[in-house]
N, C-alpha and C. Protein backbone atom coordinates (compact mmCIF):
# COMPACT_ATOMS: atom_id res chain seq x y z
N UNK A 1 34.35 6.74 9.83
CA UNK A 1 34.75 7.21 11.15
C UNK A 1 36.00 8.05 11.03
N UNK A 2 36.15 9.10 11.89
CA UNK A 2 37.30 9.97 11.78
C UNK A 2 37.57 10.66 13.11
N UNK A 3 38.82 11.06 13.27
CA UNK A 3 39.14 11.92 14.41
C UNK A 3 38.77 13.34 14.02
N UNK A 4 38.07 14.07 14.86
CA UNK A 4 37.57 15.38 14.53
C UNK A 4 38.28 16.41 15.40
N UNK A 5 39.16 17.21 14.76
CA UNK A 5 40.00 18.14 15.50
C UNK A 5 39.18 19.24 16.15
N UNK A 6 38.11 19.70 15.48
CA UNK A 6 37.33 20.81 16.02
C UNK A 6 36.65 20.44 17.33
N UNK A 7 36.36 19.15 17.52
CA UNK A 7 35.74 18.71 18.75
C UNK A 7 36.73 17.96 19.65
N UNK A 8 37.97 17.80 19.14
CA UNK A 8 38.99 17.06 19.88
C UNK A 8 38.43 15.71 20.32
N UNK A 9 37.84 15.03 19.39
CA UNK A 9 37.21 13.77 19.73
C UNK A 9 37.25 12.78 18.60
N UNK A 10 36.48 11.74 18.75
CA UNK A 10 36.37 10.69 17.74
C UNK A 10 34.95 10.73 17.19
N UNK A 11 34.83 10.86 15.88
CA UNK A 11 33.52 10.90 15.24
C UNK A 11 33.27 9.60 14.51
N UNK A 12 32.15 8.97 14.78
CA UNK A 12 31.80 7.70 14.14
C UNK A 12 30.35 7.78 13.65
N UNK A 13 30.03 6.89 12.74
CA UNK A 13 28.65 6.79 12.25
C UNK A 13 28.09 5.42 12.59
N UNK A 14 26.79 5.38 12.76
CA UNK A 14 26.10 4.11 13.02
C UNK A 14 24.76 4.10 12.31
N UNK A 15 24.31 2.94 11.92
CA UNK A 15 23.03 2.84 11.22
C UNK A 15 22.32 1.55 11.62
N UNK A 16 21.01 1.53 11.39
CA UNK A 16 20.22 0.34 11.70
C UNK A 16 18.92 0.39 10.90
N UNK A 17 18.39 -0.79 10.61
CA UNK A 17 17.13 -0.92 9.87
C UNK A 17 16.30 -2.02 10.49
N UNK A 18 15.01 -1.81 10.57
CA UNK A 18 14.09 -2.84 11.04
C UNK A 18 12.85 -2.82 10.15
N UNK A 19 12.34 -3.99 9.82
CA UNK A 19 11.15 -4.10 8.99
C UNK A 19 9.90 -4.22 9.85
N UNK A 20 8.87 -3.46 9.48
CA UNK A 20 7.62 -3.45 10.22
C UNK A 20 6.51 -3.93 9.30
N UNK A 21 5.62 -4.76 9.83
CA UNK A 21 4.51 -5.27 9.03
C UNK A 21 3.57 -4.13 8.63
N UNK A 22 3.21 -4.08 7.35
CA UNK A 22 2.31 -3.04 6.85
C UNK A 22 0.91 -3.27 7.38
N UNK A 23 0.24 -2.16 7.73
CA UNK A 23 -1.15 -2.24 8.16
C UNK A 23 -2.11 -1.95 7.01
N UNK A 24 -1.57 -1.46 5.89
CA UNK A 24 -2.39 -1.27 4.69
C UNK A 24 -1.49 -1.20 3.47
N UNK A 25 -2.06 -1.58 2.34
CA UNK A 25 -1.35 -1.50 1.06
C UNK A 25 -2.28 -0.85 0.04
N UNK A 26 -1.76 0.14 -0.66
CA UNK A 26 -2.53 0.76 -1.73
C UNK A 26 -1.88 0.42 -3.06
N UNK A 27 -2.64 -0.25 -3.92
CA UNK A 27 -2.15 -0.64 -5.23
C UNK A 27 -2.67 0.34 -6.27
N UNK A 28 -1.76 0.90 -7.04
CA UNK A 28 -2.13 1.80 -8.12
C UNK A 28 -1.77 1.11 -9.44
N UNK A 29 -2.79 0.75 -10.21
CA UNK A 29 -2.59 0.04 -11.47
C UNK A 29 -2.84 0.99 -12.63
N UNK A 30 -1.80 1.26 -13.41
CA UNK A 30 -1.90 2.16 -14.57
C UNK A 30 -1.95 1.32 -15.85
N UNK A 31 -3.08 1.38 -16.53
CA UNK A 31 -3.28 0.61 -17.76
C UNK A 31 -3.12 1.53 -18.97
N UNK A 32 -2.49 0.95 -20.02
CA UNK A 32 -2.28 1.70 -21.26
C UNK A 32 -2.71 0.84 -22.43
N UNK A 33 -3.42 1.44 -23.36
CA UNK A 33 -3.83 0.72 -24.56
C UNK A 33 -2.68 0.66 -25.55
N UNK A 34 -2.40 -0.55 -26.05
CA UNK A 34 -1.32 -0.74 -27.03
C UNK A 34 -1.82 -0.57 -28.46
N UNK A 35 -3.12 -0.43 -28.64
CA UNK A 35 -3.69 -0.29 -29.97
C UNK A 35 -3.62 1.16 -30.40
N UNK A 36 -2.98 1.41 -31.55
CA UNK A 36 -2.86 2.75 -32.07
C UNK A 36 -4.12 3.13 -32.85
N UNK A 37 -4.72 4.26 -32.52
CA UNK A 37 -5.93 4.67 -33.26
C UNK A 37 -5.61 5.01 -34.70
N UNK A 38 -6.52 4.68 -35.59
CA UNK A 38 -6.34 5.00 -37.01
C UNK A 38 -6.69 6.47 -37.25
N UNK A 39 -6.02 7.10 -38.23
CA UNK A 39 -6.31 8.51 -38.52
C UNK A 39 -7.80 8.72 -38.84
N UNK A 40 -8.36 9.77 -38.23
CA UNK A 40 -9.76 10.15 -38.47
C UNK A 40 -10.77 9.09 -38.03
N UNK A 41 -10.31 8.10 -37.28
CA UNK A 41 -11.23 7.05 -36.84
C UNK A 41 -11.93 7.49 -35.55
N UNK A 42 -13.08 6.93 -35.31
CA UNK A 42 -13.82 7.21 -34.09
C UNK A 42 -13.06 6.61 -32.91
N UNK A 43 -12.86 7.37 -31.84
CA UNK A 43 -12.13 6.81 -30.68
C UNK A 43 -12.76 5.52 -30.19
N UNK A 44 -11.92 4.59 -29.76
CA UNK A 44 -12.40 3.32 -29.26
C UNK A 44 -13.03 3.47 -27.89
N UNK A 45 -13.54 2.38 -27.36
CA UNK A 45 -14.18 2.45 -26.04
C UNK A 45 -13.20 2.85 -24.96
N UNK A 46 -13.68 3.64 -24.04
CA UNK A 46 -12.82 4.11 -22.96
C UNK A 46 -12.44 2.95 -22.04
N UNK A 47 -11.31 3.11 -21.39
CA UNK A 47 -10.89 2.12 -20.40
C UNK A 47 -11.65 2.39 -19.10
N UNK A 48 -12.90 1.91 -19.06
CA UNK A 48 -13.77 2.16 -17.92
C UNK A 48 -14.09 0.87 -17.19
N UNK A 49 -15.08 0.91 -16.30
CA UNK A 49 -15.45 -0.27 -15.52
C UNK A 49 -15.83 -1.45 -16.39
N UNK A 50 -16.48 -1.17 -17.51
CA UNK A 50 -16.91 -2.26 -18.40
C UNK A 50 -15.73 -2.93 -19.06
N UNK A 51 -14.85 -2.13 -19.64
CA UNK A 51 -13.72 -2.71 -20.37
C UNK A 51 -12.72 -3.38 -19.43
N UNK A 52 -12.59 -2.84 -18.21
CA UNK A 52 -11.65 -3.40 -17.25
C UNK A 52 -12.31 -4.33 -16.24
N UNK A 53 -13.54 -4.74 -16.55
CA UNK A 53 -14.27 -5.65 -15.64
C UNK A 53 -13.49 -6.92 -15.33
N UNK A 54 -12.79 -7.55 -16.32
CA UNK A 54 -12.02 -8.76 -15.98
C UNK A 54 -10.93 -8.50 -14.94
N UNK A 55 -10.33 -7.31 -14.99
CA UNK A 55 -9.29 -6.96 -14.01
C UNK A 55 -9.91 -6.74 -12.64
N UNK A 56 -11.02 -6.01 -12.61
CA UNK A 56 -11.70 -5.75 -11.34
C UNK A 56 -12.17 -7.05 -10.71
N UNK A 57 -12.74 -7.94 -11.53
CA UNK A 57 -13.20 -9.24 -11.02
C UNK A 57 -12.02 -10.05 -10.47
N UNK A 58 -10.87 -9.96 -11.14
CA UNK A 58 -9.69 -10.69 -10.69
C UNK A 58 -9.22 -10.16 -9.33
N UNK A 59 -9.28 -8.85 -9.15
CA UNK A 59 -8.88 -8.27 -7.87
C UNK A 59 -9.82 -8.70 -6.75
N UNK A 60 -11.12 -8.73 -7.05
CA UNK A 60 -12.09 -9.19 -6.06
C UNK A 60 -11.84 -10.66 -5.73
N UNK A 61 -11.54 -11.46 -6.75
CA UNK A 61 -11.22 -12.88 -6.53
C UNK A 61 -10.00 -13.03 -5.63
N UNK A 62 -9.08 -12.07 -5.73
CA UNK A 62 -7.85 -12.14 -4.92
C UNK A 62 -8.08 -11.67 -3.50
N UNK A 63 -9.29 -11.18 -3.19
CA UNK A 63 -9.61 -10.81 -1.83
C UNK A 63 -9.77 -9.33 -1.57
N UNK A 64 -9.72 -8.50 -2.63
CA UNK A 64 -9.91 -7.06 -2.46
C UNK A 64 -11.40 -6.76 -2.48
N UNK A 65 -11.87 -5.99 -1.50
CA UNK A 65 -13.28 -5.63 -1.48
C UNK A 65 -13.59 -4.73 -2.68
N UNK A 66 -14.70 -5.01 -3.36
CA UNK A 66 -15.05 -4.21 -4.53
C UNK A 66 -15.23 -2.73 -4.17
N UNK A 67 -15.69 -2.47 -2.95
CA UNK A 67 -15.87 -1.08 -2.53
C UNK A 67 -14.54 -0.36 -2.32
N UNK A 68 -13.43 -1.13 -2.24
CA UNK A 68 -12.12 -0.53 -2.06
C UNK A 68 -11.37 -0.36 -3.37
N UNK A 69 -12.06 -0.55 -4.50
CA UNK A 69 -11.47 -0.39 -5.83
C UNK A 69 -12.13 0.82 -6.48
N UNK A 70 -11.32 1.75 -6.98
CA UNK A 70 -11.89 2.97 -7.55
C UNK A 70 -11.02 3.51 -8.68
N UNK A 71 -11.63 4.39 -9.48
CA UNK A 71 -10.92 5.16 -10.50
C UNK A 71 -10.76 6.58 -9.97
N UNK A 72 -9.54 7.07 -9.76
CA UNK A 72 -9.37 8.46 -9.34
C UNK A 72 -9.99 9.41 -10.36
N UNK A 73 -10.44 10.55 -9.91
CA UNK A 73 -11.07 11.53 -10.78
C UNK A 73 -10.14 11.92 -11.93
N UNK A 74 -10.67 11.86 -13.14
CA UNK A 74 -9.91 12.25 -14.32
C UNK A 74 -8.87 11.25 -14.77
N UNK A 75 -8.98 10.00 -14.31
CA UNK A 75 -7.94 9.01 -14.61
C UNK A 75 -8.28 8.11 -15.78
N UNK A 76 -9.40 8.34 -16.47
CA UNK A 76 -9.82 7.43 -17.54
C UNK A 76 -9.93 8.14 -18.88
N UNK A 77 -9.53 7.44 -19.93
CA UNK A 77 -9.71 7.91 -21.30
C UNK A 77 -9.77 6.70 -22.20
N UNK A 78 -9.80 6.91 -23.51
CA UNK A 78 -9.81 5.77 -24.42
C UNK A 78 -8.44 5.12 -24.54
N UNK A 79 -7.38 5.78 -23.99
CA UNK A 79 -6.02 5.26 -24.14
C UNK A 79 -5.41 4.78 -22.82
N UNK A 80 -5.86 5.31 -21.70
CA UNK A 80 -5.26 4.90 -20.42
C UNK A 80 -6.27 5.05 -19.30
N UNK A 81 -5.96 4.38 -18.20
CA UNK A 81 -6.82 4.44 -17.01
C UNK A 81 -6.01 4.01 -15.80
N UNK A 82 -6.43 4.49 -14.64
CA UNK A 82 -5.77 4.15 -13.39
C UNK A 82 -6.79 3.58 -12.41
N UNK A 83 -6.46 2.42 -11.89
CA UNK A 83 -7.28 1.79 -10.85
C UNK A 83 -6.51 1.85 -9.53
N UNK A 84 -7.21 2.17 -8.46
CA UNK A 84 -6.59 2.20 -7.14
C UNK A 84 -7.35 1.26 -6.23
N UNK A 85 -6.62 0.40 -5.54
CA UNK A 85 -7.24 -0.55 -4.61
C UNK A 85 -6.51 -0.49 -3.27
N UNK A 86 -7.28 -0.57 -2.19
CA UNK A 86 -6.70 -0.55 -0.85
C UNK A 86 -6.92 -1.90 -0.18
N UNK A 87 -5.85 -2.44 0.39
CA UNK A 87 -5.91 -3.74 1.06
C UNK A 87 -5.51 -3.55 2.52
N UNK A 88 -6.42 -3.72 3.48
CA UNK A 88 -6.06 -3.59 4.89
C UNK A 88 -5.33 -4.84 5.39
N UNK A 89 -4.32 -4.62 6.24
CA UNK A 89 -3.56 -5.71 6.84
C UNK A 89 -3.17 -6.79 5.82
N UNK A 90 -2.44 -6.41 4.78
CA UNK A 90 -2.10 -7.37 3.72
C UNK A 90 -1.11 -8.42 4.21
N UNK A 91 -1.21 -9.61 3.62
CA UNK A 91 -0.24 -10.68 3.87
C UNK A 91 0.56 -10.92 2.60
N UNK A 92 1.74 -11.53 2.76
CA UNK A 92 2.59 -11.79 1.60
C UNK A 92 1.89 -12.71 0.60
N UNK A 93 1.25 -13.76 1.10
CA UNK A 93 0.58 -14.70 0.20
C UNK A 93 -0.59 -14.03 -0.52
N UNK A 94 -1.30 -13.15 0.17
CA UNK A 94 -2.41 -12.43 -0.44
C UNK A 94 -1.92 -11.52 -1.56
N UNK A 95 -0.83 -10.80 -1.32
CA UNK A 95 -0.29 -9.90 -2.34
C UNK A 95 0.21 -10.68 -3.55
N UNK A 96 0.95 -11.75 -3.31
CA UNK A 96 1.49 -12.52 -4.42
C UNK A 96 0.38 -13.21 -5.21
N UNK A 97 -0.60 -13.72 -4.50
CA UNK A 97 -1.74 -14.36 -5.18
C UNK A 97 -2.49 -13.33 -6.00
N UNK A 98 -2.72 -12.16 -5.43
CA UNK A 98 -3.44 -11.12 -6.15
C UNK A 98 -2.73 -10.69 -7.41
N UNK A 99 -1.42 -10.50 -7.32
CA UNK A 99 -0.66 -10.10 -8.50
C UNK A 99 -0.69 -11.18 -9.56
N UNK A 100 -0.63 -12.44 -9.12
CA UNK A 100 -0.69 -13.55 -10.07
C UNK A 100 -2.05 -13.61 -10.78
N UNK A 101 -3.13 -13.42 -10.02
CA UNK A 101 -4.47 -13.49 -10.61
C UNK A 101 -4.70 -12.33 -11.57
N UNK A 102 -4.28 -11.14 -11.17
CA UNK A 102 -4.42 -9.97 -12.06
C UNK A 102 -3.56 -10.16 -13.31
N UNK A 103 -2.36 -10.72 -13.14
CA UNK A 103 -1.49 -10.97 -14.29
C UNK A 103 -2.11 -11.94 -15.28
N UNK A 104 -2.78 -12.99 -14.76
CA UNK A 104 -3.44 -13.96 -15.64
C UNK A 104 -4.59 -13.30 -16.40
N UNK A 105 -5.33 -12.41 -15.71
CA UNK A 105 -6.42 -11.70 -16.39
C UNK A 105 -5.86 -10.78 -17.47
N UNK A 106 -4.74 -10.14 -17.18
CA UNK A 106 -4.14 -9.23 -18.14
C UNK A 106 -3.61 -9.99 -19.36
N UNK A 107 -3.16 -11.23 -19.16
CA UNK A 107 -2.68 -12.03 -20.29
C UNK A 107 -3.77 -12.26 -21.32
N UNK A 108 -5.03 -12.23 -20.87
CA UNK A 108 -6.16 -12.43 -21.79
C UNK A 108 -6.61 -11.11 -22.42
N UNK A 109 -5.87 -10.04 -22.13
CA UNK A 109 -6.18 -8.73 -22.70
C UNK A 109 -4.89 -8.16 -23.31
N UNK A 110 -4.41 -8.77 -24.41
CA UNK A 110 -3.10 -8.39 -24.97
C UNK A 110 -3.05 -6.97 -25.51
N UNK A 111 -4.20 -6.32 -25.62
CA UNK A 111 -4.19 -4.94 -26.12
C UNK A 111 -3.81 -3.94 -25.03
N UNK A 112 -3.60 -4.42 -23.79
CA UNK A 112 -3.29 -3.53 -22.68
C UNK A 112 -1.92 -3.85 -22.09
N UNK A 113 -1.27 -2.81 -21.58
CA UNK A 113 -0.06 -3.00 -20.78
C UNK A 113 -0.32 -2.42 -19.39
N UNK A 114 0.48 -2.84 -18.43
CA UNK A 114 0.25 -2.45 -17.04
C UNK A 114 1.54 -2.02 -16.38
N UNK A 115 1.47 -0.91 -15.67
CA UNK A 115 2.54 -0.47 -14.78
C UNK A 115 1.90 -0.26 -13.41
N UNK A 116 2.50 -0.80 -12.37
CA UNK A 116 1.86 -0.76 -11.05
C UNK A 116 2.82 -0.33 -9.96
N UNK A 117 2.27 0.34 -8.96
CA UNK A 117 3.02 0.71 -7.77
C UNK A 117 2.26 0.23 -6.54
N UNK A 118 3.01 -0.14 -5.52
CA UNK A 118 2.43 -0.55 -4.25
C UNK A 118 2.94 0.40 -3.17
N UNK A 119 2.01 1.06 -2.50
CA UNK A 119 2.35 1.96 -1.40
C UNK A 119 1.96 1.29 -0.09
N UNK A 120 2.96 0.97 0.72
CA UNK A 120 2.71 0.33 2.01
C UNK A 120 2.73 1.37 3.12
N UNK A 121 1.87 1.17 4.11
CA UNK A 121 1.86 2.02 5.29
C UNK A 121 1.86 1.14 6.54
N UNK A 122 2.58 1.59 7.55
CA UNK A 122 2.58 0.93 8.86
C UNK A 122 2.22 1.98 9.90
N UNK A 123 1.09 1.80 10.55
CA UNK A 123 0.65 2.77 11.55
C UNK A 123 1.36 2.54 12.88
N UNK A 124 1.27 3.53 13.76
CA UNK A 124 1.90 3.44 15.08
C UNK A 124 3.39 3.09 14.97
N UNK A 125 4.08 3.81 14.10
CA UNK A 125 5.47 3.49 13.79
C UNK A 125 6.46 4.31 14.61
N UNK A 126 5.97 5.25 15.41
CA UNK A 126 6.86 6.12 16.16
C UNK A 126 7.78 5.38 17.11
N UNK A 127 7.23 4.42 17.86
CA UNK A 127 8.05 3.67 18.82
C UNK A 127 9.12 2.86 18.10
N UNK A 128 8.78 2.32 16.94
CA UNK A 128 9.76 1.54 16.18
C UNK A 128 10.90 2.45 15.72
N UNK A 129 10.55 3.67 15.29
CA UNK A 129 11.57 4.62 14.86
C UNK A 129 12.53 4.92 16.00
N UNK A 130 12.01 5.12 17.20
CA UNK A 130 12.86 5.38 18.36
C UNK A 130 13.77 4.18 18.65
N UNK A 131 13.22 2.98 18.54
CA UNK A 131 14.01 1.77 18.80
C UNK A 131 15.13 1.61 17.79
N UNK A 132 14.82 1.89 16.52
CA UNK A 132 15.84 1.76 15.47
C UNK A 132 16.94 2.81 15.66
N UNK A 133 16.55 4.01 16.06
CA UNK A 133 17.56 5.03 16.34
C UNK A 133 18.46 4.58 17.49
N UNK A 134 17.88 3.94 18.50
CA UNK A 134 18.68 3.42 19.60
C UNK A 134 19.67 2.37 19.14
N UNK A 135 19.25 1.54 18.18
CA UNK A 135 20.15 0.53 17.61
C UNK A 135 21.29 1.19 16.85
N UNK A 136 20.99 2.28 16.12
CA UNK A 136 22.03 3.00 15.38
C UNK A 136 23.02 3.64 16.34
N UNK A 137 22.53 4.20 17.44
CA UNK A 137 23.42 4.80 18.44
C UNK A 137 24.32 3.74 19.06
N UNK A 138 23.76 2.58 19.37
CA UNK A 138 24.57 1.49 19.92
C UNK A 138 25.63 1.04 18.94
N UNK A 139 25.27 1.01 17.66
CA UNK A 139 26.23 0.63 16.62
C UNK A 139 27.38 1.63 16.56
N UNK A 140 27.04 2.92 16.65
CA UNK A 140 28.07 3.96 16.63
C UNK A 140 28.97 3.85 17.86
N UNK A 141 28.39 3.62 19.03
CA UNK A 141 29.17 3.50 20.26
C UNK A 141 30.17 2.34 20.17
N UNK A 142 29.71 1.24 19.62
CA UNK A 142 30.59 0.07 19.47
C UNK A 142 31.80 0.42 18.59
N UNK A 143 31.55 1.14 17.50
CA UNK A 143 32.65 1.55 16.63
C UNK A 143 33.61 2.49 17.36
N UNK A 144 33.04 3.44 18.11
CA UNK A 144 33.87 4.41 18.81
C UNK A 144 34.77 3.72 19.84
N UNK A 145 34.22 2.75 20.54
CA UNK A 145 35.02 2.03 21.54
C UNK A 145 36.15 1.26 20.88
N UNK A 146 35.88 0.72 19.69
CA UNK A 146 36.93 -0.01 18.97
C UNK A 146 38.06 0.93 18.55
N UNK A 147 37.68 2.11 18.05
CA UNK A 147 38.69 3.09 17.63
C UNK A 147 39.50 3.56 18.84
N UNK A 148 38.80 3.85 19.92
CA UNK A 148 39.50 4.33 21.13
C UNK A 148 40.50 3.29 21.64
N UNK A 149 40.11 2.03 21.61
CA UNK A 149 41.01 0.96 22.06
C UNK A 149 42.25 0.89 21.20
N UNK A 150 42.08 1.04 19.88
CA UNK A 150 43.23 0.99 18.98
C UNK A 150 44.16 2.19 19.19
N UNK A 151 43.58 3.32 19.59
CA UNK A 151 44.39 4.52 19.82
C UNK A 151 44.98 4.57 21.22
N UNK A 152 44.53 3.66 22.09
CA UNK A 152 45.03 3.66 23.46
C UNK A 152 44.47 4.78 24.30
N UNK A 153 43.23 5.20 23.99
CA UNK A 153 42.58 6.26 24.76
C UNK A 153 41.22 5.75 25.22
N UNK A 154 40.49 6.63 25.94
CA UNK A 154 39.17 6.28 26.42
C UNK A 154 38.15 7.29 25.91
N UNK A 155 36.91 6.85 25.80
CA UNK A 155 35.85 7.73 25.34
C UNK A 155 35.34 8.59 26.48
N UNK A 156 35.15 9.87 26.17
CA UNK A 156 34.54 10.78 27.13
C UNK A 156 33.08 11.02 26.79
N UNK A 157 32.60 12.19 27.13
CA UNK A 157 31.19 12.53 26.90
C UNK A 157 30.92 12.76 25.41
N UNK A 158 29.66 12.64 25.04
CA UNK A 158 29.24 12.97 23.68
C UNK A 158 29.25 14.48 23.52
N UNK A 159 29.93 14.97 22.48
CA UNK A 159 30.01 16.43 22.27
C UNK A 159 29.27 16.89 21.03
N UNK A 160 28.84 15.96 20.18
CA UNK A 160 28.06 16.35 19.01
C UNK A 160 27.33 15.13 18.45
N UNK A 161 26.09 15.35 18.01
CA UNK A 161 25.28 14.28 17.42
C UNK A 161 24.51 14.82 16.23
N UNK A 162 24.52 14.06 15.14
CA UNK A 162 23.66 14.35 13.98
C UNK A 162 22.86 13.09 13.69
N UNK A 163 21.55 13.19 13.79
CA UNK A 163 20.68 12.03 13.54
C UNK A 163 19.92 12.22 12.24
N UNK A 164 19.95 11.19 11.42
CA UNK A 164 19.19 11.20 10.16
C UNK A 164 18.32 9.95 10.12
N UNK A 165 17.02 10.16 10.26
CA UNK A 165 16.13 9.01 10.17
C UNK A 165 14.76 9.48 9.68
N UNK A 166 13.89 8.51 9.47
CA UNK A 166 12.56 8.81 9.00
C UNK A 166 11.71 9.26 10.18
N UNK A 167 11.20 10.47 10.10
CA UNK A 167 10.29 10.94 11.13
C UNK A 167 8.87 10.76 10.58
N UNK A 168 8.17 9.71 10.99
CA UNK A 168 6.88 9.40 10.38
C UNK A 168 5.81 10.42 10.73
N UNK A 169 5.15 10.99 9.72
CA UNK A 169 4.05 11.91 10.02
C UNK A 169 2.89 11.16 10.66
N UNK A 170 2.41 11.67 11.78
CA UNK A 170 1.30 11.04 12.50
C UNK A 170 1.60 9.60 12.89
N UNK A 171 2.89 9.28 13.03
CA UNK A 171 3.26 7.93 13.44
C UNK A 171 3.11 6.88 12.36
N UNK A 172 3.02 7.29 11.09
CA UNK A 172 2.81 6.35 9.99
C UNK A 172 4.05 6.29 9.12
N UNK A 173 4.66 5.11 9.01
CA UNK A 173 5.80 4.90 8.12
C UNK A 173 5.30 4.42 6.76
N UNK A 174 6.01 4.79 5.70
CA UNK A 174 5.58 4.42 4.35
C UNK A 174 6.75 3.89 3.54
N UNK A 175 6.43 3.07 2.57
CA UNK A 175 7.42 2.56 1.62
C UNK A 175 6.71 2.18 0.33
N UNK A 176 7.36 2.41 -0.79
CA UNK A 176 6.74 2.14 -2.10
C UNK A 176 7.67 1.33 -2.98
N UNK A 177 7.10 0.42 -3.75
CA UNK A 177 7.88 -0.29 -4.75
C UNK A 177 7.03 -0.46 -6.00
N UNK A 178 7.70 -0.68 -7.12
CA UNK A 178 7.00 -0.79 -8.39
C UNK A 178 6.94 -2.22 -8.89
N UNK A 179 5.96 -2.48 -9.73
CA UNK A 179 5.79 -3.79 -10.36
C UNK A 179 5.57 -3.58 -11.86
N UNK A 180 5.89 -4.60 -12.63
CA UNK A 180 5.64 -4.52 -14.07
C UNK A 180 6.87 -4.08 -14.84
N UNK A 181 6.71 -3.97 -16.15
CA UNK A 181 7.81 -3.62 -17.03
C UNK A 181 8.38 -2.25 -16.66
N UNK A 182 9.69 -2.17 -16.58
CA UNK A 182 10.33 -0.91 -16.22
C UNK A 182 10.45 -0.68 -14.73
N UNK A 183 9.92 -1.61 -13.93
CA UNK A 183 10.00 -1.50 -12.48
C UNK A 183 10.53 -2.79 -11.88
N UNK A 184 11.82 -3.08 -12.08
CA UNK A 184 12.36 -4.30 -11.48
C UNK A 184 12.26 -4.24 -9.97
N UNK A 185 11.64 -5.26 -9.38
CA UNK A 185 11.40 -5.26 -7.94
C UNK A 185 12.56 -5.95 -7.21
N UNK A 186 13.11 -5.26 -6.24
CA UNK A 186 14.20 -5.81 -5.44
C UNK A 186 13.64 -6.29 -4.10
N UNK A 187 12.96 -7.42 -4.12
CA UNK A 187 12.36 -7.97 -2.92
C UNK A 187 13.07 -9.27 -2.57
N UNK A 188 13.66 -9.29 -1.38
CA UNK A 188 14.48 -10.43 -1.04
C UNK A 188 13.72 -11.63 -0.50
N UNK A 189 12.54 -11.41 0.09
CA UNK A 189 11.78 -12.51 0.68
C UNK A 189 10.30 -12.20 0.54
N UNK A 190 9.43 -13.22 0.72
CA UNK A 190 7.99 -12.96 0.62
C UNK A 190 7.51 -11.87 1.57
N UNK A 191 8.11 -11.78 2.76
CA UNK A 191 7.69 -10.77 3.73
C UNK A 191 7.94 -9.35 3.24
N UNK A 192 8.93 -9.19 2.31
CA UNK A 192 9.23 -7.86 1.80
C UNK A 192 8.05 -7.25 1.03
N UNK A 193 7.14 -8.09 0.55
CA UNK A 193 5.98 -7.59 -0.17
C UNK A 193 5.08 -6.77 0.74
N UNK A 194 5.14 -7.04 2.04
CA UNK A 194 4.23 -6.37 2.98
C UNK A 194 4.98 -5.81 4.19
N UNK A 195 6.24 -5.46 4.02
CA UNK A 195 7.04 -4.92 5.12
C UNK A 195 7.52 -3.51 4.79
N UNK A 196 7.49 -2.65 5.79
CA UNK A 196 7.97 -1.28 5.65
C UNK A 196 9.32 -1.17 6.37
N UNK A 197 10.41 -0.89 5.64
CA UNK A 197 11.70 -0.75 6.31
C UNK A 197 11.80 0.59 7.03
N UNK A 198 12.22 0.55 8.28
CA UNK A 198 12.43 1.76 9.08
C UNK A 198 13.93 1.91 9.28
N UNK A 199 14.48 3.04 8.86
CA UNK A 199 15.94 3.24 8.83
C UNK A 199 16.34 4.43 9.68
N UNK A 200 17.50 4.33 10.30
CA UNK A 200 18.05 5.44 11.06
C UNK A 200 19.57 5.42 10.96
N UNK A 201 20.17 6.60 10.89
CA UNK A 201 21.63 6.70 10.92
C UNK A 201 22.01 7.89 11.81
N UNK A 202 23.13 7.77 12.48
CA UNK A 202 23.60 8.83 13.36
C UNK A 202 25.10 9.04 13.15
N UNK A 203 25.53 10.24 13.42
CA UNK A 203 26.96 10.58 13.46
C UNK A 203 27.21 11.17 14.84
N UNK A 204 28.11 10.56 15.60
CA UNK A 204 28.34 10.97 16.99
C UNK A 204 29.82 11.26 17.20
N UNK A 205 30.10 12.34 17.88
CA UNK A 205 31.48 12.68 18.26
C UNK A 205 31.62 12.52 19.78
N UNK A 206 32.60 11.72 20.16
CA UNK A 206 32.90 11.50 21.58
C UNK A 206 34.19 12.24 21.93
N UNK A 207 34.21 12.85 23.08
CA UNK A 207 35.45 13.45 23.57
C UNK A 207 36.45 12.34 23.88
N UNK A 208 37.74 12.67 23.84
CA UNK A 208 38.80 11.70 24.13
C UNK A 208 39.34 11.93 25.54
N UNK A 209 39.45 10.83 26.29
CA UNK A 209 40.10 10.88 27.61
C UNK A 209 41.33 9.99 27.54
N UNK A 210 42.46 10.52 28.01
CA UNK A 210 43.69 9.73 28.01
C UNK A 210 43.67 8.69 29.13
């Protein structure tokens, strides 16, 4: 917060965050073969549906519809492969159970390593974004009133505003986190597995009244 001479006012910042339940989760599982091919040797079997059948079966066991599991075009070779699965209206227990089941299946396939990302989406997020921005504005106003009281002045009209927040395309908010080696997950609670954080910050300058 600062006094802003160009506006002859008090400039403060405010921020707010709210978590929204995800309406879908897309899991992208990147598998890599740890077995090094021998020189001039015939390439090993590709990482296809057959070789990754235990992983696919584990995902189905965890509640993912088999029709929602796919290999993106060009994502398979004898050394790596990518599986993509979509989970509608995911729950924290479903996500954690699924990751545990897939992890157990992967433990029985020591020749493979896994790197995974989870892309969460929350539809109809526009109203939430507006509400969070309102919370950030209220936070800024509270700070401005505190500064004005300490200075022995009063707040006048708003003379400048800068808003920085997520403007969701088509009303859809998104958030992504990684799983596996090299992707330490910073999730504070089970709900964070299926929550999309909506953030807003504002900078507001108020005129000063004596």
